[in-house]
Structure formats: C-alpha cells, structure tokens
C-alpha cells in the first residue's frame, strides 16, 4: 500500500469537553471552526464541539486533525491513514481484501463526519479501527490560542502514535507486510517485550508499536513543534496548570526528538517534541541498546489509556 501519512486520530473517553482546555490552553491546538459533518452554513463553532459532544481540533489548515469522542473509558477510537489519490485508494483496498481483511467502505455520512472524500476501514490484529482515506478537507488557517507558531504536519502527517499490543509479531506483520510501513529501528525491553518504530514517509516513525504484556493500549500521541522554545513554553503551561508530567524533557536516541510527555484528560500521554529526525530511502533498520541520549526521566510503558 502507498500510505503517505498519519492523517488524523480519534480518541475517546469520559467528558471530551475536558480536552478543550488541555488541547487549546496547554498544547496550543485550535478548536475547529467548522465541525465536520455539520451544516457549513450554520453558525461557526467557537469551541470545536459537535452536537454529539465530540471535540475537533486543528493543527494546520486541515479542517481537523485530532478528535475526542464521548465514551465510558479512555483510549483509541480510530487511526486515519492518508493515501495519495483514487488509484492508490482502490489498490490499497484490493490488497487488503487479498490479505483476508474485512474491508468496510465508509458511508457518505461517515465520510462527511471525517471531512474526507472517500474512506474505508478494517481492524488491525489487536482490534484497532484503521481507516484509509483520500482528499481531506482544508478550511481556515491555523491560529493557536497560545501563540504556537505551527505544528510540523504537511507531508509528514500529524505526528506519531504509540500503541501497545498483546501479539507483537501479528502487529508487525500487519503494519509492515500488509500496510507497507518500513521499520526504522527497535529496542528490546525484556523477554518477549520490545518497541518497534515504523515509518511511511520521511518522519522517522509515524507509528511505534510494542508489547509489554497481554493487553492493548494507546500509550501516547506525539505532536511536533518547530523548536525547543515552544516545547519549553508548553511544558511551562502544563506545569502551571498542574498537568501531570509523566516524563521529563529529554532526547530520544533513535529519532533525536527533544520532548516531554504529559497526561491527557483520557489517561494516555501526549508527547510534545521538536527536532525529530527525517530519514531517506537509504535508511537501514537497526537495534538500539538504549532509548535515550539524555533525560526523559520517568519514561515507562505504563499507560492510562488501555483499550
């Protein structure tokens, strides 16, 4: 498959409205002025909330990149991966069916709710809903409520996602052999436990997938800003608001990202970073001995966003 990027992410948990303050006042995201799936001629939203209580957030000119939906427990609802166009979309669906996946085309209502022209979905081996889409909607320019200059998106996608799965081999076979990701590197945590970092564009990884036990969970979502000053300013705002900092600032050994992790309202971590490594076609996968060059005190595989 010719997947180009991680296009959007949907998470879920109790009271999505809690995300408004966290995502806008701390992280610097912008509430979506035009909520997908709702009448564009109606009064524009000031808080990015839809009629069903979901919250939609912007990171760039796209209509939205991150959605928080109401649910009893926190976790991942879906991942949206972008393809280049109609031909790549049809080919990807054919390949998925040939691999024995049950592919469900998105209804017109579902496509409207995602703000895309076409979408189809299926499940990965751990049961996560994977959506493939083309032609996302772009609307107004991004303007951060906190003055964040920008997030690194575009051809790199919206960032990366970290998943924990009970069957790592099945997960790797799915994302590498079926979806066509490439492995950038990996490190072993212990017997039967490891983290693998997979890419679909020049970003070192758009997906980190690992196993630390017989469960599945959303470990973290990474959003990248242009420089260390903006990382530090977000860290200051989080500290001032008493947001739990789960991992202090440090630099990863593999993607060279300078970042910190904080708890989101749904329990899983949000990683805010800068200076992420871009890799070319000549990159060769490697095994890492240690995950960090310095810092990142407190980084563990513990999660609050178990699915």
Protein backbone atom coordinates (compact mmCIF):
# COMPACT_ATOMS: atom_id res chain seq x y z
CA UNK A 1 0.00 0.00 0.00
CA UNK A 2 1.10 3.53 -0.70
CA UNK A 3 0.22 5.10 2.66
CA UNK A 4 1.60 8.63 2.82
CA UNK A 5 0.99 9.76 6.40
CA UNK A 6 -0.94 9.58 9.66
CA UNK A 7 -3.73 11.95 8.69
CA UNK A 8 -5.99 12.08 11.74
CA UNK A 9 -6.59 10.41 15.10
CA UNK A 10 -9.79 9.85 17.03
CA UNK A 11 -9.62 9.19 20.77
CA UNK A 12 -12.42 8.57 23.24
CA UNK A 13 -13.22 8.86 26.92
CA UNK A 14 -15.46 10.48 29.52
CA UNK A 15 -16.28 14.18 29.07
CA UNK A 16 -14.45 15.18 25.86
CA UNK A 17 -15.00 18.82 26.85
CA UNK A 18 -12.04 18.39 29.20
CA UNK A 19 -9.91 18.31 26.05
CA UNK A 20 -10.82 21.90 25.16
CA UNK A 21 -8.79 23.50 27.93
CA UNK A 22 -5.98 20.94 27.73
CA UNK A 23 -5.57 20.94 23.95
CA UNK A 24 -6.04 24.67 23.38
CA UNK A 25 -4.65 26.39 26.51
CA UNK A 26 -1.81 23.92 27.17
CA UNK A 27 -0.87 22.28 23.84
CA UNK A 28 -1.82 25.23 21.65
CA UNK A 29 -4.20 23.47 19.25
CA UNK A 30 -7.09 25.40 17.72
CA UNK A 31 -10.78 24.46 18.05
CA UNK A 32 -12.16 23.54 14.63
CA UNK A 33 -14.32 26.48 13.45
CA UNK A 34 -16.18 24.18 11.04
CA UNK A 35 -17.08 20.88 12.72
CA UNK A 36 -17.07 18.02 10.18
CA UNK A 37 -20.44 16.52 9.33
CA UNK A 38 -22.43 19.57 10.36
CA UNK A 39 -24.12 22.24 8.28
CA UNK A 40 -21.42 24.63 6.99
CA UNK A 41 -24.00 27.41 6.64
CA UNK A 42 -24.76 27.27 10.37
CA UNK A 43 -23.06 29.46 12.95
CA UNK A 44 -19.41 28.51 13.22
CA UNK A 45 -18.23 26.73 16.34
CA UNK A 46 -16.16 28.62 18.91
CA UNK A 47 -15.15 25.52 20.85
CA UNK A 48 -14.90 22.81 18.18
CA UNK A 49 -17.74 20.82 19.76
CA UNK A 50 -20.22 18.85 17.70
CA UNK A 51 -23.82 18.11 18.59
CA UNK A 52 -22.87 14.65 19.93
CA UNK A 53 -20.34 16.11 22.40
CA UNK A 54 -17.21 15.33 20.35
CA UNK A 55 -14.40 17.89 20.21
CA UNK A 56 -12.48 18.57 16.97
CA UNK A 57 -9.08 20.26 16.97
CA UNK A 58 -6.91 21.84 14.27
CA UNK A 59 -3.11 21.78 13.88
CA UNK A 60 -2.82 23.29 10.40
CA UNK A 61 -5.13 24.35 7.52
CA UNK A 62 -6.88 20.96 7.58
CA UNK A 63 -10.43 21.10 8.94
CA UNK A 64 -9.29 18.96 11.88
CA UNK A 65 -6.54 16.52 12.91
CA UNK A 66 -7.49 15.30 16.40
CA UNK A 67 -10.96 14.39 17.66
CA UNK A 68 -12.06 13.45 21.20
CA UNK A 69 -15.30 11.46 21.33
CA UNK A 70 -17.52 10.58 24.32
CA UNK A 71 -17.12 7.06 25.78
CA UNK A 72 -17.10 5.40 29.18
CA UNK A 73 -13.35 4.68 29.17
CA UNK A 74 -10.32 6.35 27.61
CA UNK A 75 -8.46 5.00 24.60
CA UNK A 76 -8.13 4.99 20.83
CA UNK A 77 -11.22 5.01 18.61
CA UNK A 78 -9.58 5.09 15.15
CA UNK A 79 -6.45 5.93 13.16
CA UNK A 80 -6.76 7.64 9.77
CA UNK A 81 -4.01 6.96 7.23
CA UNK A 82 -3.86 9.08 4.08
CA UNK A 83 -3.26 7.85 0.53
CA UNK A 84 -2.34 9.97 -2.47
CA UNK A 85 -5.47 9.59 -4.58
CA UNK A 86 -8.22 7.46 -6.07
CA UNK A 87 -5.93 4.93 -7.77
CA UNK A 88 -3.85 4.35 -4.64
CA UNK A 89 -7.03 4.09 -2.58
CA UNK A 90 -8.63 1.42 -4.77
CA UNK A 91 -5.37 -0.54 -4.98
CA UNK A 92 -4.97 -0.45 -1.20
CA UNK A 93 -8.48 -1.81 -0.67
CA UNK A 94 -7.87 -4.61 -3.19
CA UNK A 95 -4.64 -5.52 -1.42
CA UNK A 96 -6.37 -5.54 1.96
CA UNK A 97 -9.09 -7.88 0.68
CA UNK A 98 -6.49 -10.17 -0.88
CA UNK A 99 -4.87 -10.42 2.56
CA UNK A 100 -8.16 -11.61 4.02
CA UNK A 101 -9.16 -8.37 5.74
CA UNK A 102 -12.82 -7.44 6.03
CA UNK A 103 -12.93 -4.04 4.34
CA UNK A 104 -15.95 -1.82 5.00
CA UNK A 105 -16.43 1.24 2.76
CA UNK A 106 -17.26 4.41 4.63
CA UNK A 107 -20.83 5.59 4.17
CA UNK A 108 -21.44 9.11 2.85
CA UNK A 109 -22.34 10.12 6.41
CA UNK A 110 -19.12 8.65 7.82
CA UNK A 111 -17.01 10.35 5.15
CA UNK A 112 -18.71 13.64 5.91
CA UNK A 113 -18.05 13.12 9.62
CA UNK A 114 -14.34 12.66 8.86
CA UNK A 115 -14.21 15.57 6.42
CA UNK A 116 -12.85 13.38 3.59
CA UNK A 117 -13.94 12.45 0.07
CA UNK A 118 -13.61 8.68 0.50
CA UNK A 119 -12.81 6.39 3.42
CA UNK A 120 -12.80 2.66 4.19
CA UNK A 121 -11.95 0.81 7.37
CA UNK A 122 -10.85 -2.52 8.78
CA UNK A 123 -9.29 -3.77 12.02
CA UNK A 124 -5.67 -4.50 12.89
CA UNK A 125 -4.86 -7.74 14.77
CA UNK A 126 -5.36 -6.03 18.14
CA UNK A 127 -8.80 -4.74 17.12
CA UNK A 128 -7.89 -1.09 16.48
CA UNK A 129 -10.02 0.51 13.79
CA UNK A 130 -7.81 1.52 10.85
CA UNK A 131 -9.21 3.97 8.31
CA UNK A 132 -7.75 4.69 4.86
CA UNK A 133 -8.85 7.94 3.25
CA UNK A 134 -8.26 10.40 0.43
CA UNK A 135 -8.95 14.12 -0.10
CA UNK A 136 -9.22 15.64 3.36
CA UNK A 137 -10.96 19.00 3.74
CA UNK A 138 -8.91 22.16 4.25
CA UNK A 139 -10.61 25.30 5.51
CA UNK A 140 -9.27 28.18 7.62
CA UNK A 141 -5.63 28.94 8.54
CA UNK A 142 -4.28 27.65 11.83
CA UNK A 143 -4.17 30.22 14.63
CA UNK A 144 -3.07 28.92 18.02
CA UNK A 145 -4.81 30.37 21.09
CA UNK A 146 -1.42 30.31 22.85
CA UNK A 147 0.73 31.66 20.04
CA UNK A 148 2.29 28.34 18.98
CA UNK A 149 3.74 29.21 15.58
CA UNK A 150 2.95 25.90 13.92
CA UNK A 151 2.96 22.12 14.18
CA UNK A 152 5.07 20.06 11.79
CA UNK A 153 2.48 18.35 9.58
CA UNK A 154 2.12 18.51 5.78
CA UNK A 155 3.71 15.54 4.02
CA UNK A 156 4.96 14.26 7.41
CA UNK A 157 1.44 13.82 8.76
CA UNK A 158 0.16 14.97 12.13
CA UNK A 159 2.84 13.31 14.28
CA UNK A 160 3.16 9.75 15.56
CA UNK A 161 1.17 7.31 17.65
CA UNK A 162 2.46 4.77 20.18
CA UNK A 163 0.47 1.52 20.56
CA UNK A 164 0.92 -1.44 22.89
CA UNK A 165 -0.43 -4.76 21.64
CA UNK A 166 -0.66 -8.29 23.08
CA UNK A 167 0.70 -10.02 19.94
CA UNK A 168 3.66 -8.03 18.63
CA UNK A 169 4.51 -10.41 15.78
CA UNK A 170 0.96 -10.19 14.40
CA UNK A 171 1.04 -6.40 14.69
CA UNK A 172 4.36 -6.13 12.88
CA UNK A 173 3.19 -8.45 10.11
CA UNK A 174 0.08 -6.32 9.66
CA UNK A 175 1.75 -2.91 9.54
CA UNK A 176 4.89 -3.98 7.63
CA UNK A 177 3.62 -6.65 5.26
CA UNK A 178 0.05 -5.51 4.62
CA UNK A 179 0.04 -1.73 5.14
CA UNK A 180 3.56 -1.31 3.75
CA UNK A 181 5.29 0.56 6.57
CA UNK A 182 9.10 0.37 6.84
CA UNK A 183 10.92 -0.34 10.10
CA UNK A 184 13.31 2.41 11.22
CA UNK A 185 14.66 0.70 14.36
CA UNK A 186 13.68 -1.14 17.53
CA UNK A 187 14.81 -1.92 21.06
CA UNK A 188 14.11 -4.82 23.39
CA UNK A 189 12.60 -4.16 26.81
CA UNK A 190 12.77 -7.69 28.19
CA UNK A 191 11.84 -11.29 27.33
CA UNK A 192 9.02 -11.14 24.78
CA UNK A 193 8.81 -7.36 25.08
CA UNK A 194 10.04 -4.74 22.58
CA UNK A 195 9.20 -1.47 20.82
CA UNK A 196 9.42 -1.12 17.02
CA UNK A 197 9.37 2.21 15.18
CA UNK A 198 7.70 2.23 11.75
CA UNK A 199 7.62 4.92 9.06
CA UNK A 200 5.54 5.73 5.98
CA UNK A 201 7.28 8.98 4.97
CA UNK A 202 10.42 10.93 5.91
CA UNK A 203 9.36 11.26 9.56
CA UNK A 204 11.49 8.73 11.49
CA UNK A 205 8.32 7.00 12.63
CA UNK A 206 4.59 7.59 12.34
CA UNK A 207 3.83 4.52 14.43
CA UNK A 208 5.56 2.96 17.43
CA UNK A 209 4.22 -0.50 18.23
CA UNK A 210 5.30 -2.67 21.10
CA UNK A 211 4.44 -5.28 23.67
CA UNK A 212 4.89 -5.10 27.43
CA UNK A 213 2.14 -7.54 28.43
CA UNK A 214 -1.02 -9.30 27.31
CA UNK A 215 -3.09 -6.19 26.73
CA UNK A 216 -3.60 -3.46 24.18
CA UNK A 217 -3.42 0.26 24.92
CA UNK A 218 -2.81 3.68 23.46
CA UNK A 219 0.49 4.70 25.07
CA UNK A 220 0.98 8.17 23.57
CA UNK A 221 0.37 10.60 20.74
CA UNK A 222 3.27 12.83 19.65
CA UNK A 223 2.79 16.37 18.30
CA UNK A 224 5.85 18.18 16.93
CA UNK A 225 6.54 21.93 17.18
CA UNK A 226 9.36 23.82 15.41
CA UNK A 227 11.82 24.47 18.23
CA UNK A 228 12.85 23.85 21.85
CA UNK A 229 11.47 27.21 22.99
CA UNK A 230 7.94 26.15 22.08
CA UNK A 231 8.45 22.76 23.74
CA UNK A 232 9.56 24.59 26.89
CA UNK A 233 6.67 27.03 26.80
CA UNK A 234 4.15 24.17 26.56
CA UNK A 235 5.96 22.45 29.44
CA UNK A 236 5.69 25.66 31.49
CA UNK A 237 1.96 25.94 30.81
CA UNK A 238 1.42 22.29 31.75
CA UNK A 239 3.34 22.72 34.99
CA UNK A 240 1.49 25.92 35.88
CA UNK A 241 -1.84 24.14 35.29
CA UNK A 242 -0.77 21.14 37.42
CA UNK A 243 -0.96 18.77 34.43
CA UNK A 244 0.91 15.59 35.47
CA UNK A 245 4.29 15.40 33.68
CA UNK A 246 4.82 11.69 33.19
CA UNK A 247 8.25 12.02 31.52
CA UNK A 248 10.61 14.97 31.89
CA UNK A 249 12.37 16.64 28.94
CA UNK A 250 15.00 14.54 27.19
CA UNK A 251 16.30 13.49 23.77
CA UNK A 252 15.46 10.12 22.23
CA UNK A 253 18.33 8.12 20.77
CA UNK A 254 16.51 6.95 17.65
CA UNK A 255 14.56 9.91 16.20
CA UNK A 256 16.64 12.52 18.10
CA UNK A 257 13.43 14.15 19.31
CA UNK A 258 13.72 16.55 22.25
CA UNK A 259 10.45 16.10 24.09
CA UNK A 260 8.45 15.56 27.25
CA UNK A 261 5.28 13.54 27.99
CA UNK A 262 2.21 14.67 29.94
CA UNK A 263 -1.05 13.02 30.86
CA UNK A 264 -4.03 13.79 28.65
CA UNK A 265 -7.59 14.03 30.01
CA UNK A 266 -8.23 10.46 28.81
CA UNK A 267 -5.23 9.00 30.65
CA UNK A 268 -2.77 8.26 27.85
CA UNK A 269 0.24 10.52 27.24
CA UNK A 270 0.72 13.42 24.87
CA UNK A 271 4.34 13.83 23.80
CA UNK A 272 5.39 17.34 22.74
CA UNK A 273 8.69 17.47 20.85
CA UNK A 274 10.94 19.14 18.31
CA UNK A 275 13.93 18.38 16.07
CA UNK A 276 12.62 14.98 15.01
CA UNK A 277 14.88 13.10 12.59
CA UNK A 278 13.98 12.86 8.90
CA UNK A 279 15.23 9.77 7.10
CA UNK A 280 15.75 8.88 3.45
CA UNK A 281 15.32 5.76 1.34
CA UNK A 282 18.87 4.67 2.20
CA UNK A 283 17.99 4.31 5.92
CA UNK A 284 18.73 0.85 7.32
CA UNK A 285 16.86 -0.57 10.32
CA UNK A 286 18.93 -1.01 13.46
CA UNK A 287 18.63 -2.35 17.00
CA UNK A 288 19.07 0.19 19.79
CA UNK A 289 20.75 -0.51 23.11
CA UNK A 290 19.28 2.45 24.99
CA UNK A 291 16.22 4.55 24.15
CA UNK A 292 17.52 7.99 25.17
CA UNK A 293 20.64 10.13 24.79
CA UNK A 294 19.77 12.06 27.95
CA UNK A 295 16.82 12.92 30.16
CA UNK A 296 13.28 11.54 29.81
CA UNK A 297 13.23 10.63 33.49
CA UNK A 298 10.12 8.63 34.29
CA UNK A 299 9.56 7.16 30.81
CA UNK A 300 7.95 3.74 31.20
CA UNK A 301 5.49 1.54 29.37
CA UNK A 302 2.80 2.22 31.95
CA UNK A 303 -0.37 3.61 30.40
CA UNK A 304 -3.67 5.07 31.44
CA UNK A 305 -5.34 4.68 28.06
CA UNK A 306 -5.91 0.93 27.93
CA UNK A 307 -8.41 -0.03 25.24
